[in-house]
């Protein structure tokens, strides 16, 4: 019985000492990021925005809203930075803006496509609406 206790103590000591004999880990180099230069003066990315769908959403405990599915594609060769896509819900009968929402995209690479949903409120289910979009660049 005494030999088992001594053997167990030796195994435990060997396990604890195993980590102490290894050399310290080498420091990994700091990660670097490649910076893409911004477009030259006057150049802007070619971002095309389409409204894929406009879906009415009815709920008994919340107000009537529309959900707009927006697809934006950077078809140009220039990266877009600080891109803001503005989505506006317009009452067609009164030709009046009912709601406006913005979607911010920090970096929009050439050839990239973004798809997102925007919830637009302040709508009346008995009226007809359309959605208009706009794009601005270089917003902080």
Protein backbone atom coordinates (compact mmCIF):
# COMPACT_ATOMS: atom_id res chain seq x y z
CA UNK A 1 0.00 0.00 0.00
CA UNK A 2 2.88 2.31 0.82
CA UNK A 3 4.47 1.70 -2.58
CA UNK A 4 1.27 2.72 -4.38
CA UNK A 5 1.20 6.04 -2.49
CA UNK A 6 4.86 6.69 -3.32
CA UNK A 7 4.29 5.75 -6.96
CA UNK A 8 1.25 8.05 -7.15
CA UNK A 9 3.26 10.89 -5.59
CA UNK A 10 6.07 10.39 -8.15
CA UNK A 11 3.60 10.46 -11.07
CA UNK A 12 1.98 13.63 -9.73
CA UNK A 13 5.39 15.31 -9.27
CA UNK A 14 6.45 14.33 -12.80
CA UNK A 15 3.22 15.72 -14.26
CA UNK A 16 3.67 19.05 -12.46
CA UNK A 17 7.33 19.35 -13.45
CA UNK A 18 6.65 18.55 -17.12
CA UNK A 19 5.30 22.02 -17.84
CA UNK A 20 8.20 23.76 -16.11
CA UNK A 21 10.90 22.31 -18.34
CA UNK A 22 9.48 23.55 -21.65
CA UNK A 23 11.02 26.70 -23.20
CA UNK A 24 8.83 29.81 -23.12
CA UNK A 25 6.61 30.22 -26.20
CA UNK A 26 7.93 32.50 -28.91
CA UNK A 27 6.18 35.79 -29.34
CA UNK A 28 4.08 35.89 -32.45
CA UNK A 29 4.48 38.96 -34.65
CA UNK A 30 1.80 41.60 -34.31
CA UNK A 31 -0.94 41.24 -36.92
CA UNK A 32 -0.80 43.75 -39.73
CA UNK A 33 -3.63 45.08 -41.81
CA UNK A 34 -3.38 46.14 -45.39
CA UNK A 35 -4.77 49.60 -45.93
CA UNK A 36 -6.51 50.34 -49.18
CA UNK A 37 -5.99 53.93 -50.22
CA UNK A 38 -9.14 55.97 -50.58
CA UNK A 39 -10.33 57.07 -53.98
CA UNK A 40 -8.68 60.05 -55.58
CA UNK A 41 -10.56 63.33 -55.46
CA UNK A 42 -13.91 63.21 -57.19
CA UNK A 43 -13.95 59.42 -57.72
CA UNK A 44 -16.86 57.53 -56.19
CA UNK A 45 -17.81 53.87 -56.12
CA UNK A 46 -20.59 52.73 -58.45
CA UNK A 47 -23.20 51.46 -56.00
CA UNK A 48 -26.51 50.27 -57.43
CA UNK A 49 -29.39 49.96 -54.95
CA UNK A 50 -32.60 48.07 -55.73
CA UNK A 51 -35.70 47.37 -53.67
CA UNK A 52 -36.17 43.60 -53.95
CA UNK A 53 -39.50 43.57 -52.10
CA UNK A 54 -41.85 45.69 -50.02
CA UNK A 55 -43.86 43.51 -47.65
CA UNK A 56 -46.69 44.74 -45.41
CA UNK A 57 -46.54 43.42 -41.82
CA UNK A 58 -49.72 43.21 -39.80
CA UNK A 59 -49.68 42.60 -36.05
CA UNK A 60 -52.50 42.85 -33.50
CA UNK A 61 -50.27 44.34 -30.81
CA UNK A 62 -48.01 46.62 -32.88
CA UNK A 63 -48.60 49.29 -35.53
CA UNK A 64 -48.75 48.43 -39.22
CA UNK A 65 -45.29 48.49 -40.86
CA UNK A 66 -43.61 47.66 -44.15
CA UNK A 67 -40.43 45.60 -44.44
CA UNK A 68 -38.29 46.56 -47.42
CA UNK A 69 -35.65 44.11 -48.62
CA UNK A 70 -32.79 46.17 -50.07
CA UNK A 71 -30.00 44.88 -52.31
CA UNK A 72 -26.93 47.06 -52.84
CA UNK A 73 -24.07 46.14 -55.16
CA UNK A 74 -20.77 47.93 -55.70
CA UNK A 75 -20.36 47.50 -59.47
CA UNK A 76 -17.37 49.80 -59.75
CA UNK A 77 -13.66 49.26 -59.23
CA UNK A 78 -13.41 51.63 -56.25
CA UNK A 79 -13.98 50.70 -52.62
CA UNK A 80 -16.77 52.60 -50.90
CA UNK A 81 -16.06 53.91 -47.40
CA UNK A 82 -18.60 55.38 -45.04
CA UNK A 83 -21.49 54.49 -47.33
CA UNK A 84 -24.98 55.44 -46.14
CA UNK A 85 -27.98 54.03 -47.97
CA UNK A 86 -31.14 56.02 -47.29
CA UNK A 87 -34.48 54.22 -47.63
CA UNK A 88 -37.60 56.40 -47.77
CA UNK A 89 -41.24 55.28 -47.61
CA UNK A 90 -43.44 57.63 -49.65
CA UNK A 91 -47.24 57.85 -49.62
CA UNK A 92 -48.13 57.88 -53.34
CA UNK A 93 -51.53 59.55 -52.93
CA UNK A 94 -50.28 62.47 -50.85
CA UNK A 95 -46.75 62.38 -52.36
CA UNK A 96 -45.44 62.73 -48.81
CA UNK A 97 -42.52 61.09 -46.97
CA UNK A 98 -43.86 58.82 -44.25
CA UNK A 99 -40.64 57.31 -42.84
CA UNK A 100 -36.91 57.33 -43.57
CA UNK A 101 -34.23 54.92 -42.35
CA UNK A 102 -30.48 54.78 -42.98
CA UNK A 103 -28.18 51.77 -43.33
CA UNK A 104 -24.49 52.47 -42.68
CA UNK A 105 -21.82 50.37 -44.40
CA UNK A 106 -18.27 51.09 -43.23
CA UNK A 107 -16.44 49.42 -46.16
CA UNK A 108 -18.07 48.36 -49.42
CA UNK A 109 -15.59 46.43 -51.56
CA UNK A 110 -15.80 46.35 -55.39
CA UNK A 111 -18.02 43.49 -56.59
CA UNK A 112 -19.56 43.03 -53.13
CA UNK A 113 -23.33 42.74 -52.61
CA UNK A 114 -25.17 43.64 -49.40
CA UNK A 115 -28.73 42.50 -48.70
CA UNK A 116 -30.62 43.82 -45.67
CA UNK A 117 -34.14 44.42 -44.40
CA UNK A 118 -35.41 47.81 -43.26
CA UNK A 119 -38.60 48.22 -41.22
CA UNK A 120 -40.54 51.33 -42.19
CA UNK A 121 -43.39 52.52 -39.97
CA UNK A 122 -45.96 55.34 -39.88
CA UNK A 123 -47.94 53.64 -42.64
CA UNK A 124 -51.67 53.26 -43.18
CA UNK A 125 -52.73 49.87 -44.58
CA UNK A 126 -55.43 51.52 -46.72
CA UNK A 127 -52.93 53.67 -48.67
CA UNK A 128 -50.43 52.93 -51.45
CA UNK A 129 -46.71 53.42 -50.85
CA UNK A 130 -43.45 53.31 -52.78
CA UNK A 131 -39.84 53.15 -51.63
CA UNK A 132 -37.06 55.41 -52.87
CA UNK A 133 -33.37 54.99 -52.08
CA UNK A 134 -30.33 57.22 -52.07
CA UNK A 135 -26.60 56.71 -51.52
CA UNK A 136 -24.03 59.04 -49.98
CA UNK A 137 -20.32 58.37 -49.42
CA UNK A 138 -17.46 59.25 -47.09
CA UNK A 139 -19.58 59.59 -43.96
CA UNK A 140 -17.71 59.12 -40.68
